[in-house]
Amino acid sequence: MSKLILQTAISFSILLLTAITVEAQIIKPGVTLGINLLGSLPQGDFKDEYSLGAGGEIFGGVGWGRTFLLATAGYSAFKAASDNGKGGILTYIPLKIGVKQYFLRKLLFINADLGIASVKNKLFNESRFTRGVGAGIKLLGLEAGLYYDGWKNIDPQAKGFQNSIFSKLGYSFTF
């Protein structure tokens, strides 16, 4: 009987140690939520019609280790460069999905995303393909970064993308 108890205790101990070791090796998913304030400088032909942009965005996602899959919703308004009867204030409302990868103990990050955006001014209101790429730094939940963003032109005379450089400042947390 005591031999059976000893074998059971040893088997249980081995099972427990194995479970603890496996648990320590599995990377548990984390959830991240955040908000950013945005400032923007239009680039290329876009800067001929619009001078500055400002807005905000919220994001959330799930990650494993240092890689996160994110969904982002934002709003930006761009001020017309001059009052020349064109479209006035332009609003840009993107919905995107992307990836954020952290480096150096989750201090530095790069991210890229793509999606669809509503682009609207006095002359049009259209949905357009959008994409962006950026990099930044995160310290104690505070994030700061630079981001190159833009949407596809539909007008055949305006080829390519309307691009802007966004500066982002915000807060995020992961649990």
N, C-alpha and C. Protein backbone atom coordinates (compact mmCIF):
# COMPACT_ATOMS: atom_id res chain seq x y z
N MET A 1 0.82 -1.19 0.00
CA MET A 1 0.00 0.00 0.00
C MET A 1 0.87 1.26 0.00
N SER A 2 1.91 1.28 0.83
CA SER A 2 2.77 2.45 0.90
C SER A 2 3.54 2.65 -0.41
N LYS A 3 3.85 1.53 -1.09
CA LYS A 3 4.53 1.62 -2.39
C LYS A 3 3.60 2.28 -3.41
N LEU A 4 2.31 1.95 -3.37
CA LEU A 4 1.32 2.55 -4.26
C LEU A 4 1.17 4.05 -3.98
N ILE A 5 1.16 4.43 -2.73
CA ILE A 5 1.05 5.85 -2.36
C ILE A 5 2.29 6.60 -2.82
N LEU A 6 3.47 6.00 -2.65
CA LEU A 6 4.72 6.61 -3.07
C LEU A 6 4.74 6.80 -4.59
N GLN A 7 4.34 5.78 -5.36
CA GLN A 7 4.30 5.88 -6.81
C GLN A 7 3.29 6.93 -7.26
N THR A 8 2.16 6.98 -6.60
CA THR A 8 1.14 7.98 -6.93
C THR A 8 1.67 9.38 -6.65
N ALA A 9 2.34 9.56 -5.52
CA ALA A 9 2.91 10.88 -5.16
C ALA A 9 3.98 11.29 -6.15
N ILE A 10 4.85 10.36 -6.55
CA ILE A 10 5.90 10.66 -7.53
C ILE A 10 5.28 11.00 -8.88
N SER A 11 4.29 10.20 -9.31
CA SER A 11 3.62 10.48 -10.58
C SER A 11 2.93 11.83 -10.57
N PHE A 12 2.25 12.15 -9.47
CA PHE A 12 1.57 13.44 -9.34
C PHE A 12 2.58 14.58 -9.37
N SER A 13 3.73 14.40 -8.69
CA SER A 13 4.78 15.43 -8.67
C SER A 13 5.35 15.67 -10.07
N ILE A 14 5.60 14.59 -10.81
CA ILE A 14 6.11 14.71 -12.19
C ILE A 14 5.09 15.42 -13.07
N LEU A 15 3.82 15.05 -12.94
CA LEU A 15 2.75 15.69 -13.70
C LEU A 15 2.66 17.17 -13.37
N LEU A 16 2.75 17.52 -12.11
CA LEU A 16 2.66 18.91 -11.68
C LEU A 16 3.85 19.72 -12.20
N LEU A 17 5.06 19.18 -12.09
CA LEU A 17 6.24 19.87 -12.60
C LEU A 17 6.18 20.04 -14.11
N THR A 18 5.68 19.05 -14.83
CA THR A 18 5.53 19.14 -16.28
C THR A 18 4.53 20.23 -16.64
N ALA A 19 3.42 20.28 -15.93
CA ALA A 19 2.40 21.31 -16.20
C ALA A 19 2.94 22.70 -15.94
N ILE A 20 3.71 22.88 -14.87
CA ILE A 20 4.28 24.19 -14.55
C ILE A 20 5.29 24.58 -15.62
N THR A 21 6.13 23.64 -16.07
CA THR A 21 7.12 23.92 -17.11
C THR A 21 6.45 24.29 -18.42
N VAL A 22 5.43 23.55 -18.83
CA VAL A 22 4.71 23.84 -20.06
C VAL A 22 4.02 25.21 -19.96
N GLU A 23 3.40 25.49 -18.82
CA GLU A 23 2.72 26.78 -18.61
C GLU A 23 3.71 27.94 -18.76
N ALA A 24 4.93 27.78 -18.27
CA ALA A 24 5.94 28.83 -18.34
C ALA A 24 6.42 29.04 -19.77
N GLN A 25 6.35 28.02 -20.63
CA GLN A 25 6.83 28.13 -21.99
C GLN A 25 5.79 28.65 -22.97
N ILE A 26 4.53 28.59 -22.63
CA ILE A 26 3.47 29.06 -23.52
C ILE A 26 3.34 30.57 -23.39
N ILE A 27 3.37 31.27 -24.53
CA ILE A 27 3.19 32.72 -24.53
C ILE A 27 1.69 32.98 -24.54
N LYS A 28 1.22 33.59 -23.49
CA LYS A 28 -0.20 33.88 -23.39
C LYS A 28 -0.53 35.12 -24.21
N PRO A 29 -1.69 35.14 -24.86
CA PRO A 29 -2.05 36.33 -25.62
C PRO A 29 -2.34 37.49 -24.68
N GLY A 30 -2.01 38.69 -25.15
CA GLY A 30 -2.30 39.90 -24.39
C GLY A 30 -3.24 40.77 -25.19
N VAL A 31 -4.02 41.57 -24.51
CA VAL A 31 -4.93 42.50 -25.16
C VAL A 31 -4.38 43.90 -24.95
N THR A 32 -4.38 44.72 -25.99
CA THR A 32 -3.90 46.09 -25.89
C THR A 32 -5.00 47.05 -26.33
N LEU A 33 -5.08 48.18 -25.67
CA LEU A 33 -6.01 49.26 -26.00
C LEU A 33 -5.26 50.57 -25.93
N GLY A 34 -5.62 51.52 -26.80
CA GLY A 34 -4.91 52.80 -26.76
C GLY A 34 -5.62 53.90 -27.52
N ILE A 35 -5.10 55.10 -27.33
CA ILE A 35 -5.63 56.29 -27.98
C ILE A 35 -4.45 57.19 -28.36
N ASN A 36 -4.55 57.86 -29.51
CA ASN A 36 -3.50 58.77 -29.97
C ASN A 36 -4.10 60.09 -30.42
N LEU A 37 -3.39 61.17 -30.16
CA LEU A 37 -3.67 62.46 -30.78
C LEU A 37 -2.78 62.56 -32.01
N LEU A 38 -3.29 63.15 -33.08
CA LEU A 38 -2.57 63.19 -34.35
C LEU A 38 -2.36 64.62 -34.82
N GLY A 39 -1.17 64.88 -35.34
CA GLY A 39 -0.87 66.11 -36.07
C GLY A 39 -0.32 65.68 -37.42
N SER A 40 -0.67 66.40 -38.48
CA SER A 40 -0.29 65.91 -39.81
C SER A 40 0.22 67.02 -40.71
N LEU A 41 1.21 66.67 -41.51
CA LEU A 41 1.73 67.54 -42.56
C LEU A 41 1.54 66.84 -43.91
N PRO A 42 0.64 67.36 -44.76
CA PRO A 42 0.45 66.76 -46.09
C PRO A 42 1.74 66.76 -46.89
N GLN A 43 1.89 65.78 -47.77
CA GLN A 43 3.07 65.63 -48.61
C GLN A 43 2.69 65.62 -50.08
N GLY A 44 3.67 65.83 -50.95
CA GLY A 44 3.46 65.76 -52.39
C GLY A 44 2.43 66.76 -52.88
N ASP A 45 1.62 66.35 -53.87
CA ASP A 45 0.59 67.21 -54.43
C ASP A 45 -0.49 67.57 -53.40
N PHE A 46 -0.66 66.73 -52.40
CA PHE A 46 -1.67 66.97 -51.37
C PHE A 46 -1.38 68.26 -50.59
N LYS A 47 -0.09 68.58 -50.39
CA LYS A 47 0.26 69.79 -49.64
C LYS A 47 -0.03 71.07 -50.42
N ASP A 48 -0.26 70.96 -51.75
CA ASP A 48 -0.63 72.14 -52.54
C ASP A 48 -2.06 72.58 -52.22
N GLU A 49 -2.91 71.66 -51.80
CA GLU A 49 -4.31 71.98 -51.52
C GLU A 49 -4.63 72.04 -50.03
N TYR A 50 -3.86 71.34 -49.20
CA TYR A 50 -4.13 71.30 -47.76
C TYR A 50 -2.84 71.53 -46.99
N SER A 51 -2.92 72.36 -45.93
CA SER A 51 -1.71 72.76 -45.22
C SER A 51 -1.44 71.95 -43.96
N LEU A 52 -2.44 71.72 -43.12
CA LEU A 52 -2.26 71.03 -41.84
C LEU A 52 -3.42 70.10 -41.57
N GLY A 53 -3.16 69.09 -40.75
CA GLY A 53 -4.22 68.19 -40.32
C GLY A 53 -4.09 67.90 -38.84
N ALA A 54 -5.21 67.59 -38.21
CA ALA A 54 -5.22 67.22 -36.80
C ALA A 54 -6.34 66.22 -36.57
N GLY A 55 -6.19 65.38 -35.56
CA GLY A 55 -7.24 64.40 -35.28
C GLY A 55 -6.86 63.48 -34.15
N GLY A 56 -7.48 62.31 -34.16
CA GLY A 56 -7.23 61.32 -33.13
C GLY A 56 -7.58 59.94 -33.63
N GLU A 57 -7.18 58.93 -32.87
CA GLU A 57 -7.50 57.56 -33.22
C GLU A 57 -7.56 56.72 -31.95
N ILE A 58 -8.32 55.64 -32.03
CA ILE A 58 -8.36 54.63 -30.98
C ILE A 58 -7.96 53.31 -31.62
N PHE A 59 -7.36 52.44 -30.81
CA PHE A 59 -6.98 51.14 -31.34
C PHE A 59 -7.09 50.07 -30.27
N GLY A 60 -7.23 48.87 -30.73
CA GLY A 60 -7.28 47.71 -29.85
C GLY A 60 -6.77 46.51 -30.60
N GLY A 61 -6.28 45.53 -29.87
CA GLY A 61 -5.78 44.35 -30.54
C GLY A 61 -5.38 43.27 -29.58
N VAL A 62 -4.88 42.21 -30.18
CA VAL A 62 -4.43 41.05 -29.42
C VAL A 62 -3.03 40.71 -29.90
N GLY A 63 -2.18 40.28 -28.95
CA GLY A 63 -0.81 39.99 -29.31
C GLY A 63 -0.24 38.81 -28.58
N TRP A 64 0.83 38.28 -29.15
CA TRP A 64 1.57 37.19 -28.56
C TRP A 64 3.02 37.64 -28.50
N GLY A 65 3.55 37.76 -27.30
CA GLY A 65 4.93 38.21 -27.16
C GLY A 65 5.06 39.66 -27.57
N ARG A 66 5.87 39.90 -28.60
CA ARG A 66 6.13 41.27 -29.06
C ARG A 66 5.38 41.64 -30.33
N THR A 67 4.49 40.78 -30.82
CA THR A 67 3.76 41.03 -32.05
C THR A 67 2.27 41.16 -31.75
N PHE A 68 1.65 42.23 -32.26
CA PHE A 68 0.24 42.49 -32.01
C PHE A 68 -0.51 42.71 -33.32
N LEU A 69 -1.69 42.13 -33.41
CA LEU A 69 -2.62 42.37 -34.50
C LEU A 69 -3.59 43.43 -34.01
N LEU A 70 -3.68 44.57 -34.73
CA LEU A 70 -4.45 45.72 -34.25
C LEU A 70 -5.57 46.11 -35.22
N ALA A 71 -6.63 46.66 -34.66
CA ALA A 71 -7.68 47.34 -35.42
C ALA A 71 -7.68 48.79 -34.97
N THR A 72 -7.77 49.72 -35.93
CA THR A 72 -7.68 51.14 -35.63
C THR A 72 -8.81 51.89 -36.30
N ALA A 73 -9.40 52.84 -35.58
CA ALA A 73 -10.40 53.76 -36.13
C ALA A 73 -9.93 55.17 -35.82
N GLY A 74 -10.01 56.05 -36.82
CA GLY A 74 -9.49 57.40 -36.61
C GLY A 74 -10.35 58.47 -37.26
N TYR A 75 -9.98 59.70 -36.97
CA TYR A 75 -10.62 60.88 -37.57
C TYR A 75 -9.56 61.97 -37.68
N SER A 76 -9.43 62.54 -38.87
CA SER A 76 -8.52 63.68 -39.08
C SER A 76 -9.21 64.69 -39.97
N ALA A 77 -8.95 65.96 -39.72
CA ALA A 77 -9.46 67.05 -40.55
C ALA A 77 -8.26 67.83 -41.06
N PHE A 78 -8.28 68.16 -42.37
CA PHE A 78 -7.19 68.90 -43.00
C PHE A 78 -7.68 70.27 -43.42
N LYS A 79 -6.92 71.29 -43.07
CA LYS A 79 -7.25 72.68 -43.40
C LYS A 79 -6.79 72.98 -44.82
N ALA A 80 -7.69 73.63 -45.58
CA ALA A 80 -7.35 74.02 -46.95
C ALA A 80 -6.19 75.00 -46.94
N ALA A 81 -5.28 74.87 -47.91
CA ALA A 81 -4.11 75.74 -47.98
C ALA A 81 -4.50 77.18 -48.29
N SER A 82 -5.58 77.36 -49.06
CA SER A 82 -6.08 78.70 -49.36
C SER A 82 -7.57 78.60 -49.63
N ASP A 83 -8.24 79.72 -49.56
CA ASP A 83 -9.68 79.73 -49.82
C ASP A 83 -9.89 80.03 -51.30
N ASN A 84 -9.56 79.07 -52.12
CA ASN A 84 -9.63 79.27 -53.57
C ASN A 84 -10.87 78.61 -54.19
N GLY A 85 -11.89 78.39 -53.38
CA GLY A 85 -13.13 77.82 -53.91
C GLY A 85 -13.10 76.33 -54.13
N LYS A 86 -12.04 75.68 -53.69
CA LYS A 86 -11.96 74.22 -53.86
C LYS A 86 -12.82 73.52 -52.83
N GLY A 87 -12.35 72.46 -52.25
CA GLY A 87 -13.17 71.62 -51.40
C GLY A 87 -13.30 72.02 -49.95
N GLY A 88 -12.59 73.03 -49.48
CA GLY A 88 -12.67 73.40 -48.08
C GLY A 88 -11.99 72.37 -47.19
N ILE A 89 -12.47 72.24 -45.95
CA ILE A 89 -11.89 71.28 -45.02
C ILE A 89 -12.14 69.86 -45.50
N LEU A 90 -11.11 69.04 -45.45
CA LEU A 90 -11.21 67.64 -45.85
C LEU A 90 -11.18 66.78 -44.60
N THR A 91 -12.11 65.83 -44.49
CA THR A 91 -12.10 64.88 -43.37
C THR A 91 -11.70 63.50 -43.88
N TYR A 92 -10.94 62.83 -43.05
CA TYR A 92 -10.38 61.51 -43.36
C TYR A 92 -10.70 60.60 -42.18
N ILE A 93 -11.52 59.56 -42.42
CA ILE A 93 -11.95 58.66 -41.35
C ILE A 93 -11.57 57.23 -41.74
N PRO A 94 -10.39 56.77 -41.30
CA PRO A 94 -9.93 55.42 -41.67
C PRO A 94 -10.36 54.34 -40.68
N LEU A 95 -10.59 53.15 -41.20
CA LEU A 95 -10.76 51.92 -40.42
C LEU A 95 -9.72 50.94 -40.97
N LYS A 96 -8.77 50.55 -40.12
CA LYS A 96 -7.64 49.75 -40.60
C LYS A 96 -7.36 48.54 -39.71
N ILE A 97 -6.68 47.59 -40.31
CA ILE A 97 -6.17 46.41 -39.60
C ILE A 97 -4.68 46.34 -39.90
N GLY A 98 -3.89 46.06 -38.86
CA GLY A 98 -2.45 46.04 -39.08
C GLY A 98 -1.71 45.24 -38.04
N VAL A 99 -0.38 45.33 -38.11
CA VAL A 99 0.52 44.60 -37.23
C VAL A 99 1.47 45.60 -36.59
N LYS A 100 1.71 45.42 -35.27
CA LYS A 100 2.70 46.22 -34.55
C LYS A 100 3.71 45.26 -33.95
N GLN A 101 4.99 45.51 -34.21
CA GLN A 101 6.07 44.66 -33.73
C GLN A 101 6.97 45.48 -32.82
N TYR A 102 7.17 45.00 -31.59
CA TYR A 102 8.03 45.68 -30.62
C TYR A 102 9.44 45.11 -30.66
N PHE A 103 10.42 45.97 -30.31
CA PHE A 103 11.83 45.59 -30.23
C PHE A 103 12.41 46.16 -28.94
N LEU A 104 13.58 45.70 -28.56
CA LEU A 104 14.31 46.22 -27.40
C LEU A 104 13.43 46.31 -26.16
N ARG A 105 12.97 45.15 -25.68
CA ARG A 105 12.16 45.06 -24.46
C ARG A 105 10.87 45.87 -24.55
N LYS A 106 10.27 45.86 -25.72
CA LYS A 106 9.01 46.58 -25.98
C LYS A 106 9.15 48.09 -25.80
N LEU A 107 10.34 48.61 -26.11
CA LEU A 107 10.57 50.05 -26.03
C LEU A 107 10.35 50.71 -27.39
N LEU A 108 10.84 50.10 -28.45
CA LEU A 108 10.67 50.61 -29.81
C LEU A 108 9.67 49.74 -30.56
N PHE A 109 8.96 50.33 -31.53
CA PHE A 109 8.04 49.54 -32.33
C PHE A 109 7.97 50.07 -33.76
N ILE A 110 7.56 49.16 -34.64
CA ILE A 110 7.18 49.53 -36.01
C ILE A 110 5.78 48.98 -36.22
N ASN A 111 5.03 49.63 -37.07
CA ASN A 111 3.71 49.10 -37.40
C ASN A 111 3.34 49.44 -38.82
N ALA A 112 2.47 48.61 -39.37
CA ALA A 112 1.96 48.80 -40.73
C ALA A 112 0.50 48.36 -40.73
N ASP A 113 -0.31 49.06 -41.51
CA ASP A 113 -1.72 48.68 -41.59
C ASP A 113 -2.32 49.09 -42.93
N LEU A 114 -3.51 48.56 -43.19
CA LEU A 114 -4.25 48.91 -44.39
C LEU A 114 -5.73 48.79 -44.10
N GLY A 115 -6.53 49.43 -44.93
CA GLY A 115 -7.97 49.39 -44.70
C GLY A 115 -8.72 50.25 -45.68
N ILE A 116 -9.82 50.80 -45.21
CA ILE A 116 -10.69 51.63 -46.02
C ILE A 116 -10.94 52.92 -45.25
N ALA A 117 -11.09 54.02 -45.99
CA ALA A 117 -11.31 55.31 -45.34
C ALA A 117 -12.40 56.09 -46.07
N SER A 118 -13.15 56.84 -45.30
CA SER A 118 -14.09 57.80 -45.85
C SER A 118 -13.33 59.12 -45.99
N VAL A 119 -13.31 59.66 -47.20
CA VAL A 119 -12.63 60.92 -47.48
C VAL A 119 -13.69 61.88 -48.01
N LYS A 120 -13.82 63.05 -47.34
CA LYS A 120 -14.94 63.93 -47.66
C LYS A 120 -14.52 65.40 -47.58
N ASN A 121 -14.98 66.18 -48.56
CA ASN A 121 -14.91 67.63 -48.49
C ASN A 121 -16.16 68.19 -49.19
N LYS A 122 -16.17 69.46 -49.57
CA LYS A 122 -17.35 70.07 -50.21
C LYS A 122 -17.65 69.48 -51.58
N LEU A 123 -16.63 68.92 -52.24
CA LEU A 123 -16.79 68.44 -53.62
C LEU A 123 -17.09 66.95 -53.73
N PHE A 124 -16.69 66.15 -52.75
CA PHE A 124 -16.90 64.71 -52.85
C PHE A 124 -17.00 64.07 -51.48
N ASN A 125 -17.53 62.85 -51.47
CA ASN A 125 -17.62 62.00 -50.27
C ASN A 125 -17.45 60.57 -50.76
N GLU A 126 -16.24 60.02 -50.60
CA GLU A 126 -15.93 58.72 -51.19
C GLU A 126 -15.20 57.81 -50.20
N SER A 127 -15.28 56.52 -50.47
CA SER A 127 -14.50 55.53 -49.73
C SER A 127 -13.26 55.20 -50.55
N ARG A 128 -12.14 55.10 -49.88
CA ARG A 128 -10.88 54.85 -50.58
C ARG A 128 -10.02 53.85 -49.81
N PHE A 129 -9.19 53.12 -50.55
CA PHE A 129 -8.19 52.24 -49.95
C PHE A 129 -7.16 53.11 -49.25
N THR A 130 -6.74 52.71 -48.05
CA THR A 130 -5.73 53.45 -47.29
C THR A 130 -4.69 52.49 -46.74
N ARG A 131 -3.49 53.02 -46.53
CA ARG A 131 -2.40 52.22 -45.96
C ARG A 131 -1.44 53.14 -45.25
N GLY A 132 -0.63 52.56 -44.36
CA GLY A 132 0.35 53.36 -43.65
C GLY A 132 1.41 52.50 -43.00
N VAL A 133 2.51 53.17 -42.65
CA VAL A 133 3.62 52.51 -41.98
C VAL A 133 4.26 53.53 -41.04
N GLY A 134 4.73 53.07 -39.88
CA GLY A 134 5.32 54.00 -38.94
C GLY A 134 6.22 53.33 -37.94
N ALA A 135 6.82 54.16 -37.09
CA ALA A 135 7.71 53.68 -36.03
C ALA A 135 7.59 54.62 -34.85
N GLY A 136 7.91 54.09 -33.67
CA GLY A 136 7.82 54.94 -32.50
C GLY A 136 8.49 54.33 -31.29
N ILE A 137 8.22 54.99 -30.16
CA ILE A 137 8.77 54.58 -28.88
C ILE A 137 7.65 54.52 -27.86
N LYS A 138 7.74 53.56 -26.94
CA LYS A 138 6.74 53.42 -25.88
C LYS A 138 7.48 53.31 -24.55
N LEU A 139 7.05 54.14 -23.59
CA LEU A 139 7.66 54.14 -22.28
C LEU A 139 6.59 54.38 -21.24
N LEU A 140 6.40 53.42 -20.34
CA LEU A 140 5.41 53.51 -19.27
C LEU A 140 4.00 53.79 -19.79
N GLY A 141 3.66 53.20 -20.94
CA GLY A 141 2.34 53.38 -21.52
C GLY A 141 2.22 54.55 -22.48
N LEU A 142 3.12 55.53 -22.37
CA LEU A 142 3.10 56.68 -23.29
C LEU A 142 3.76 56.28 -24.60
N GLU A 143 3.11 56.66 -25.70
CA GLU A 143 3.64 56.35 -27.03
C GLU A 143 3.84 57.62 -27.82
N ALA A 144 4.91 57.67 -28.60
CA ALA A 144 5.15 58.76 -29.53
C ALA A 144 5.72 58.14 -30.80
N GLY A 145 5.28 58.63 -31.95
CA GLY A 145 5.77 58.05 -33.19
C GLY A 145 5.53 58.93 -34.39
N LEU A 146 6.15 58.54 -35.48
CA LEU A 146 5.94 59.15 -36.80
C LEU A 146 5.35 58.09 -37.70
N TYR A 147 4.43 58.51 -38.56
CA TYR A 147 3.65 57.57 -39.34
C TYR A 147 3.41 58.16 -40.74
N TYR A 148 3.71 57.39 -41.76
CA TYR A 148 3.49 57.82 -43.14
C TYR A 148 2.20 57.16 -43.62
N ASP A 149 1.19 57.95 -43.91
CA ASP A 149 -0.15 57.44 -44.18
C ASP A 149 -0.69 58.07 -45.46
N GLY A 150 -1.63 57.41 -46.09
CA GLY A 150 -2.25 57.98 -47.28
C GLY A 150 -3.38 57.12 -47.81
N TRP A 151 -4.11 57.70 -48.75
CA TRP A 151 -5.22 56.99 -49.38
C TRP A 151 -5.08 57.10 -50.88
N LYS A 152 -5.66 56.11 -51.56
CA LYS A 152 -5.56 56.00 -53.02
C LYS A 152 -6.42 57.05 -53.69
N ASN A 153 -5.84 57.70 -54.69
CA ASN A 153 -6.60 58.65 -55.51
C ASN A 153 -7.52 57.90 -56.46
N ILE A 154 -8.71 58.40 -56.60
CA ILE A 154 -9.65 57.82 -57.57
C ILE A 154 -9.65 58.64 -58.86
N ASP A 155 -9.42 59.93 -58.74
CA ASP A 155 -9.39 60.84 -59.89
C ASP A 155 -8.29 60.41 -60.85
N PRO A 156 -8.62 60.15 -62.13
CA PRO A 156 -7.60 59.70 -63.09
C PRO A 156 -6.48 60.73 -63.30
N GLN A 157 -6.76 62.02 -63.08
CA GLN A 157 -5.73 63.04 -63.25
C GLN A 157 -4.76 63.07 -62.07
N ALA A 158 -5.20 62.61 -60.91
CA ALA A 158 -4.35 62.58 -59.71
C ALA A 158 -3.95 61.13 -59.45
N LYS A 159 -2.79 60.75 -59.92
CA LYS A 159 -2.33 59.36 -59.80
C LYS A 159 -1.76 59.09 -58.41
N GLY A 160 -1.76 57.82 -58.03
CA GLY A 160 -1.11 57.40 -56.80
C GLY A 160 -1.92 57.64 -55.54
N PHE A 161 -1.24 58.15 -54.53
CA PHE A 161 -1.83 58.34 -53.20
C PHE A 161 -1.74 59.79 -52.74
N GLN A 162 -2.66 60.18 -51.89
CA GLN A 162 -2.55 61.44 -51.15
C GLN A 162 -1.88 61.07 -49.83
N ASN A 163 -0.72 61.61 -49.57
CA ASN A 163 0.08 61.18 -48.42
C ASN A 163 0.28 62.28 -47.39
N SER A 164 0.47 61.86 -46.16
CA SER A 164 0.76 62.77 -45.05
C SER A 164 1.72 62.09 -44.09
N ILE A 165 2.49 62.91 -43.39
CA ILE A 165 3.29 62.42 -42.29
C ILE A 165 2.55 62.81 -41.01
N PHE A 166 2.19 61.81 -40.22
CA PHE A 166 1.47 62.03 -38.97
C PHE A 166 2.44 61.91 -37.81
N SER A 167 2.35 62.82 -36.87
CA SER A 167 3.02 62.63 -35.59
C SER A 167 1.94 62.17 -34.62
N LYS A 168 2.26 61.16 -33.84
CA LYS A 168 1.29 60.56 -32.91
C LYS A 168 1.81 60.67 -31.49
N LEU A 169 0.91 61.02 -30.59
CA LEU A 169 1.23 61.05 -29.17
C LEU A 169 0.03 60.48 -28.44
N GLY A 170 0.26 59.46 -27.63
CA GLY A 170 -0.88 58.83 -26.97
C GLY A 170 -0.50 57.94 -25.82
N TYR A 171 -1.48 57.14 -25.43
CA TYR A 171 -1.31 56.24 -24.29
C TYR A 171 -1.93 54.89 -24.65
N SER A 172 -1.25 53.82 -24.25
CA SER A 172 -1.81 52.48 -24.44
C SER A 172 -1.45 51.61 -23.25
N PHE A 173 -2.24 50.58 -23.05
CA PHE A 173 -1.94 49.63 -22.01
C PHE A 173 -2.25 48.23 -22.50
N THR A 174 -1.55 47.28 -21.95
CA THR A 174 -1.71 45.88 -22.33
C THR A 174 -1.99 45.07 -21.07
N PHE A 175 -2.97 44.20 -21.17
CA PHE A 175 -3.27 43.33 -20.03
C PHE A 175 -3.50 41.92 -20.52
